[in-house]
C-alpha atoms as a PDB file:
ATOM      1  CA  MET A   1      -7.770   6.741 -28.093  1.00  0.00           C
ATOM      2  CA  ASP A   2      -6.447   3.213 -27.821  1.00  0.00           C
ATOM      3  CA  ASN A   3      -8.982   0.361 -27.912  1.00  0.00           C
ATOM      4  CA  LYS A   4      -6.726  -2.022 -25.975  1.00  0.00           C
ATOM      5  CA  GLN A   5      -7.880  -2.836 -22.472  1.00  0.00           C
ATOM      6  CA  GLN A   6      -5.509  -1.392 -19.892  1.00  0.00           C
ATOM      7  CA  ILE A   7      -4.222  -3.564 -17.071  1.00  0.00           C
ATOM      8  CA  ARG A   8      -4.518  -1.673 -13.815  1.00  0.00           C
ATOM      9  CA  LEU A   9      -1.913  -2.091 -11.088  1.00  0.00           C
ATOM     10  CA  GLY A  10      -4.388  -2.807  -8.280  1.00  0.00           C
ATOM     11  CA  ASP A  11      -6.209  -5.446 -10.332  1.00  0.00           C
ATOM     12  CA  MET A  12      -2.923  -7.070 -11.305  1.00  0.00           C
ATOM     13  CA  ILE A  13      -1.784  -7.342  -7.671  1.00  0.00           C
ATOM     14  CA  ALA A  14      -5.192  -8.730  -6.651  1.00  0.00           C
ATOM     15  CA  LYS A  15      -4.985 -11.413  -9.361  1.00  0.00           C
ATOM     16  CA  ILE A  16      -1.480 -12.410  -8.317  1.00  0.00           C
ATOM     17  CA  ALA A  17      -2.567 -12.617  -4.664  1.00  0.00           C
ATOM     18  CA  LYS A  18      -5.578 -14.719  -5.658  1.00  0.00           C
ATOM     19  CA  SER A  19      -3.334 -17.112  -7.598  1.00  0.00           C
ATOM     20  CA  PHE A  20      -1.371 -17.647  -4.369  1.00  0.00           C
ATOM     21  CA  HIS A  21      -4.684 -18.247  -2.507  1.00  0.00           C
ATOM     22  CA  ILE A  22      -4.211 -15.135  -0.372  1.00  0.00           C
ATOM     23  CA  PRO A  23      -7.575 -13.915   0.963  1.00  0.00           C
ATOM     24  CA  HIS A  24      -8.897 -10.514  -0.093  1.00  0.00           C
ATOM     25  CA  CYS A  25      -9.871  -8.305   2.860  1.00  0.00           C
ATOM     26  CA  GLU A  26     -11.316  -4.773   3.043  1.00  0.00           C
ATOM     27  CA  LYS A  27      -7.822  -3.279   3.332  1.00  0.00           C
ATOM     28  CA  CYS A  28      -6.799  -5.186   0.175  1.00  0.00           C
ATOM     29  CA  GLU A  29      -9.830  -3.781  -1.647  1.00  0.00           C
ATOM     30  CA  GLN A  30      -8.956  -0.208  -0.604  1.00  0.00           C
ATOM     31  CA  ARG A  31      -5.389  -0.748  -1.818  1.00  0.00           C
ATOM     32  CA  ARG A  32      -6.672  -2.183  -5.136  1.00  0.00           C
ATOM     33  CA  LEU A  33      -8.889   0.843  -5.801  1.00  0.00           C
ATOM     34  CA  ILE A  34      -6.171   3.352  -4.920  1.00  0.00           C
ATOM     35  CA  LEU A  35      -3.566   1.592  -7.060  1.00  0.00           C
ATOM     36  CA  ASN A  36      -5.989   1.409  -9.988  1.00  0.00           C
ATOM     37  CA  ALA A  37      -6.122   5.221  -9.957  1.00  0.00           C
ATOM     38  CA  VAL A  38      -2.338   5.734  -9.922  1.00  0.00           C
ATOM     39  CA  LYS A  39      -2.314   6.889 -13.568  1.00  0.00           C
ATOM     40  CA  SER A  40      -4.727   9.736 -12.903  1.00  0.00           C
ATOM     41  CA  SER A  41      -3.568  10.540  -9.343  1.00  0.00           C
ATOM     42  CA  GLY A  42       0.190  10.357  -9.721  1.00  0.00           C
ATOM     43  CA  ILE A  43       2.720   8.556  -7.539  1.00  0.00           C
ATOM     44  CA  LYS A  44       2.911  11.095  -4.681  1.00  0.00           C
ATOM     45  CA  GLU A  45      -0.875  11.337  -4.306  1.00  0.00           C
ATOM     46  CA  THR A  46      -1.201   7.542  -4.478  1.00  0.00           C
ATOM     47  CA  ILE A  47       1.328   7.107  -1.671  1.00  0.00           C
ATOM     48  CA  LYS A  48      -0.515   9.723   0.430  1.00  0.00           C
ATOM     49  CA  ARG A  49      -3.813   7.901  -0.140  1.00  0.00           C
ATOM     50  CA  LEU A  50      -2.294   4.520   0.750  1.00  0.00           C
ATOM     51  CA  ARG A  51      -0.852   5.918   3.975  1.00  0.00           C
ATOM     52  CA  ALA A  52      -4.190   7.595   4.814  1.00  0.00           C
ATOM     53  CA  VAL A  53      -6.039   4.265   4.748  1.00  0.00           C
ATOM     54  CA  GLY A  54      -3.330   2.563   6.801  1.00  0.00           C
ATOM     55  CA  VAL A  55      -1.535   0.621   4.088  1.00  0.00           C
ATOM     56  CA  SER A  56       2.168   0.548   4.854  1.00  0.00           C
ATOM     57  CA  VAL A  57       4.387   1.982   2.160  1.00  0.00           C
ATOM     58  CA  SER A  58       7.903   0.601   2.003  1.00  0.00           C
ATOM     59  CA  SER A  59      10.674   2.708   3.443  1.00  0.00           C
ATOM     60  CA  LYS A  60      13.368   0.515   1.892  1.00  0.00           C
ATOM     61  CA  ARG A  61      15.878   2.196  -0.337  1.00  0.00           C
ATOM     62  CA  SER A  62      15.262   1.645  -4.029  1.00  0.00           C
ATOM     63  CA  ASP A  63      18.544  -0.241  -4.451  1.00  0.00           C
ATOM     64  CA  GLU A  64      17.462  -2.926  -1.953  1.00  0.00           C
ATOM     65  CA  LYS A  65      15.615  -5.829  -3.515  1.00  0.00           C
ATOM     66  CA  ARG A  66      12.693  -7.649  -1.871  1.00  0.00           C
ATOM     67  CA  SER A  67      12.391 -11.393  -2.071  1.00  0.00           C
ATOM     68  CA  MET A  68       9.187 -12.965  -3.376  1.00  0.00           C
ATOM     69  CA  GLU A  69       8.710 -14.620   0.044  1.00  0.00           C
ATOM     70  CA  GLU A  70       8.822 -11.223   1.762  1.00  0.00           C
ATOM     71  CA  ILE A  71       6.268  -9.742  -0.647  1.00  0.00           C
ATOM     72  CA  ILE A  72       3.874 -12.691  -0.205  1.00  0.00           C
ATOM     73  CA  SER A  73       4.228 -12.636   3.586  1.00  0.00           C
ATOM     74  CA  ARG A  74       3.275  -8.925   3.615  1.00  0.00           C
ATOM     75  CA  LEU A  75       0.150  -9.644   1.541  1.00  0.00           C
ATOM     76  CA  VAL A  76      -0.826 -12.536   3.832  1.00  0.00           C
ATOM     77  CA  ASP A  77      -0.151 -10.487   6.979  1.00  0.00           C
ATOM     78  CA  CYS A  78      -2.516  -7.771   5.712  1.00  0.00           C
ATOM     79  CA  CYS A  79      -5.446 -10.175   5.796  1.00  0.00           C
ATOM     80  CA  LYS A  80      -4.615 -11.645   9.225  1.00  0.00           C
ATOM     81  CA  GLU A  81      -5.209  -8.344  11.041  1.00  0.00           C
END
């Protein structure tokens, strides 16, 4: 077993949002917990869990790129609801 501390996806996104001074709401916390479990749950189950708690999952094609402004605006919009 590796002694290195693993960086979890949900925690990483929360730290990035915090660095941009984006508030952390209950929906953000649910998303953080679900994304932290992606390694054990798998991608399909993670997407199902995100949709079940009302977090929108992108329907963009994988070849379309998102701008940083679009990503930040989606994080900010989450906390305005």
